[in-house]
Every structure is written in C-alpha cells, then in structure tokens.
Protein backbone atom coordinates (compact mmCIF):
# COMPACT_ATOMS: atom_id res chain seq x y z
CA MET A 1 -38.22 8.20 12.45
CA GLU A 2 -40.82 8.60 9.73
CA VAL A 3 -40.35 11.49 7.31
CA LYS A 4 -43.75 13.05 6.71
CA SER A 5 -43.10 16.08 4.58
CA LYS A 6 -40.61 18.12 2.61
CA LYS A 7 -40.36 20.37 5.68
CA ASP A 8 -39.08 17.38 7.69
CA ILE A 9 -36.30 16.92 5.16
CA LEU A 10 -35.39 20.63 5.04
CA THR A 11 -35.33 20.97 8.83
CA GLY A 12 -33.12 17.95 9.31
CA ALA A 13 -35.77 15.57 10.56
CA ALA A 14 -34.79 13.07 7.89
CA PRO A 15 -32.05 10.61 8.75
CA LEU A 16 -28.66 11.21 7.19
CA HIS A 17 -27.17 8.12 5.66
CA CYS A 18 -23.42 7.75 5.99
CA TRP A 19 -23.25 6.48 2.42
CA ASP A 20 -24.36 9.93 1.22
CA ILE A 21 -21.32 11.51 2.84
CA PHE A 22 -19.00 8.70 1.77
CA ILE A 23 -20.06 8.79 -1.90
CA TYR A 24 -19.67 12.57 -2.13
CA GLY A 25 -16.22 12.45 -0.51
CA TYR A 26 -15.18 9.45 -2.61
CA ARG A 27 -16.23 11.17 -5.85
CA ARG A 28 -14.29 14.32 -4.88
CA ARG A 29 -11.18 12.24 -4.07
CA LEU A 30 -11.41 10.54 -7.47
CA GLU A 31 -11.64 13.94 -9.18
CA PHE A 32 -8.70 15.25 -7.18
CA SER A 33 -6.68 12.11 -7.84
CA GLY A 34 -7.05 12.40 -11.61
CA ASP A 35 -6.36 16.13 -11.55
CA LEU A 36 -3.31 15.74 -9.32
CA GLN A 37 -1.88 13.00 -11.54
CA ARG A 38 -2.38 15.14 -14.64
CA LEU A 39 -0.87 18.22 -12.95
CA GLN A 40 2.17 16.20 -11.88
CA SER A 41 2.49 14.84 -15.41
CA ILE A 42 2.44 18.36 -16.87
CA GLN A 43 4.97 19.53 -14.28
CA LYS A 44 7.27 16.67 -15.25
CA GLN A 45 6.67 17.03 -19.01
CA PHE A 46 7.61 20.71 -19.00
CA ASN A 47 10.38 20.30 -16.39
CA TRP A 48 8.92 22.96 -14.10
CA SER A 49 11.01 24.61 -11.48
CA GLU A 50 9.07 24.89 -8.23
CA PRO A 51 5.82 26.78 -8.95
CA PRO A 52 5.12 29.74 -6.66
CA VAL A 53 1.99 27.99 -5.36
CA SER A 54 1.37 24.26 -5.40
CA PRO A 55 -1.49 23.45 -7.79
CA GLY A 56 -2.42 20.53 -5.53
CA TYR A 57 -2.70 22.82 -2.51
CA ALA A 58 -4.85 25.30 -4.44
CA LEU A 59 -7.10 22.54 -5.75
CA ILE A 60 -7.64 20.57 -2.56
CA TRP A 61 -7.34 23.06 0.28
CA LEU A 62 -8.48 26.25 -1.40
CA ASN A 63 -10.97 24.57 -3.77
CA LYS A 64 -9.73 26.64 -6.70
CA VAL A 65 -10.10 25.72 -10.34
CA VAL A 66 -6.63 25.26 -11.81
CA ILE A 67 -6.10 26.12 -15.48
CA ILE A 68 -2.79 25.49 -17.23
CA THR A 69 -2.02 27.01 -20.62
CA GLY A 70 0.89 26.80 -22.98
CA ILE A 71 2.88 29.93 -23.79
CA THR A 72 0.42 30.74 -26.61
CA LEU A 73 -2.35 30.69 -23.98
CA GLN A 74 -4.08 27.58 -25.34
CA ILE A 75 -5.56 25.66 -22.41
CA ILE A 76 -3.81 22.32 -21.93
CA HIS A 77 -5.48 21.37 -18.64
CA ALA A 78 -8.42 22.46 -16.51
CA THR A 79 -9.33 20.69 -13.29
CA GLU A 80 -12.61 18.81 -13.08
CA ASN A 81 -14.10 21.31 -10.63
CA ILE A 82 -14.37 23.84 -13.47
CA TYR A 83 -17.80 22.33 -14.17
CA ALA A 84 -19.13 23.49 -10.80
CA MET A 85 -17.81 27.00 -11.48
CA ASN A 86 -19.05 27.58 -15.01
CA GLY A 87 -20.78 24.52 -16.47
CA TYR A 88 -17.98 23.54 -18.85
CA GLU A 89 -16.50 20.06 -18.71
CA SER A 90 -12.72 20.21 -18.43
CA THR A 91 -12.38 18.45 -21.79
CA GLU A 92 -14.50 21.14 -23.51
CA VAL A 93 -12.04 23.92 -22.78
CA ILE A 94 -8.83 22.15 -23.85
CA GLY A 95 -7.34 23.88 -26.90
CA ASN A 96 -9.27 27.10 -26.30
CA ARG A 97 -7.97 30.32 -24.81
CA PRO A 98 -9.20 31.49 -21.39
CA SER A 99 -10.83 34.45 -23.13
CA MET A 100 -13.57 31.97 -24.15
CA PHE A 101 -15.15 32.71 -20.76
CA GLN A 102 -15.31 36.47 -21.36
CA GLY A 103 -18.18 38.38 -22.92
CA ARG A 104 -20.14 41.59 -23.16
CA ASP A 105 -19.66 42.73 -19.55
CA SER A 106 -16.02 41.65 -19.19
CA ALA A 107 -14.38 44.98 -18.39
CA ASP A 108 -11.22 46.26 -20.05
CA VAL A 109 -9.33 46.97 -16.78
CA PRO A 110 -9.11 43.30 -15.66
CA ARG A 111 -8.20 42.29 -19.20
CA LYS A 112 -5.37 44.85 -19.20
CA ILE A 113 -4.16 43.60 -15.80
CA MET A 114 -4.00 40.03 -17.13
CA ARG A 115 -2.31 41.11 -20.38
CA ALA A 116 0.29 43.18 -18.49
CA GLY A 117 1.10 40.21 -16.24
CA ILE A 118 1.39 37.86 -19.19
CA ASP A 119 3.49 40.28 -21.24
CA SER A 120 5.84 41.05 -18.33
CA ARG A 121 5.93 37.39 -17.21
CA GLN A 122 4.85 38.44 -13.72
CA PRO A 123 2.08 37.11 -11.46
CA PHE A 124 -1.23 38.97 -11.64
CA GLU A 125 -4.45 39.05 -9.66
CA THR A 126 -7.82 40.42 -10.71
CA VAL A 127 -11.58 39.93 -10.76
CA ILE A 128 -13.38 39.79 -14.10
CA THR A 129 -16.93 39.14 -15.23
CA ASN A 130 -16.87 35.78 -16.98
CA TYR A 131 -19.71 33.77 -18.44
CA LYS A 132 -20.93 30.27 -17.69
CA LYS A 133 -21.70 27.87 -20.50
CA ASP A 134 -25.39 28.80 -20.24
CA GLY A 135 -24.55 32.51 -20.65
CA THR A 136 -24.98 33.48 -17.00
CA PRO A 137 -22.37 36.03 -15.87
CA TYR A 138 -20.30 35.45 -12.75
CA GLU A 139 -17.49 37.28 -10.99
CA CYS A 140 -14.28 35.29 -11.37
CA TYR A 141 -11.30 35.86 -9.10
CA ILE A 142 -8.12 34.95 -11.00
CA LYS A 143 -4.58 34.69 -9.72
CA GLY A 144 -2.19 33.89 -12.55
CA TYR A 145 1.46 32.89 -12.61
CA PRO A 146 4.06 32.38 -15.31
CA ILE A 147 5.71 28.96 -14.98
CA PHE A 148 9.36 28.53 -15.86
CA ASN A 149 11.29 25.34 -16.38
CA LYS A 150 14.45 24.50 -14.46
CA ASN A 151 16.49 26.35 -17.11
CA GLY A 152 14.53 29.57 -16.56
CA VAL A 153 12.55 29.33 -19.81
CA LEU A 154 8.85 30.27 -19.76
CA VAL A 155 6.87 27.09 -20.50
CA ASN A 156 3.34 27.58 -19.15
CA TYR A 157 0.94 29.86 -17.39
CA MET A 158 -1.10 28.68 -14.42
CA ALA A 159 -4.23 30.35 -13.09
CA PHE A 160 -6.19 29.66 -9.92
CA GLU A 161 -9.80 30.71 -10.34
CA SER A 162 -12.97 30.83 -8.27
CA ASN A 163 -16.50 32.17 -8.62
CA ILE A 164 -16.83 34.92 -6.04
CA SER A 165 -20.24 36.22 -7.14
CA THR A 166 -21.95 35.27 -3.89
CA LEU A 167 -19.13 36.82 -1.84
CA ARG A 168 -19.47 40.12 -3.72
CA LYS A 169 -23.16 40.30 -2.79
CA LEU A 170 -22.48 40.13 0.96
C-alpha cells in the first residue's frame, strides 16, 4: 500500500513494521533490567526487610517512577522512566533532595503530609504540583514508604511517583 499523505499515516493507512514494536519493547526491557538490577543492589546493600510494595512491581506493572533516598532524603536512585515524567535524566537527580521538583505552586498541605509521614516513619500518599526540568508544572501522585533493614533500623525512603495531570483534567 502506498502512503500518500500525513492523513494516511494518522488514520492507520501506513503499514506498521514489527521492528517498531520490537525496538520500543526492547528499549523498555533494557531500562527495566538496569533499574531492577540497581534496585536489587540497593536492597541488598542496605539489608532491607521486605518492602511493603515491590519496587519491581511498581516499575513494570504500574509504570511508576521509583525514587530511593537515604535517611537524609538525598536521592540515591531514580528509575530511568523519570525522564518521561519530568525531563530529568536519572543521573541528574542523584544527590539532590526530592524537593528539587517543587516550586511556586507546590502547596503547603501536600508538603506537610510528606513531612508528617517522614517524621513519623509511616507511609504517606499525596498529590503535589511539581515542576519539569523545563519549568512546566505537573500534578505528581506520590506514595512514599519508610524502608527498614532486617534489624528494624530505618535505612531508606522509597517513593512511587506518576504524572497524573492528564487524569485530573478528565
């Protein structure tokens, strides 16, 4: 079939090449593989007890961004899919605090919810206005958990995040 116009492409008249699907899926598996290996390495390094939610499950099945911080809230790992959410490469955020994503319209109530969860070492869940690297605001759903080692000592915090801006508009 000959593709004659942009309309043909947009309406599906253009042939779909299986390599397009394969390459996208392959790239995603490579990203997941690296992230999963790093998450397992962190879990082993800090001797985690079982986390309340598997980071691998959240990453692969729920397509959440996974951010791990130390107890001082410095980011030690962010999954590669953070780029799709906010334009930051995962390596750019390492060593920063998650507050780097907040800005002018980040409300006090979600900040207080996060702080209360962190201070009480309890899970928390909130939506906050964060900012992409280019300065564009987005609504970020965050579910955070304290992570304890097998001796019951707090060693990390883990947050699952997603951009829900389009969902909020529905």
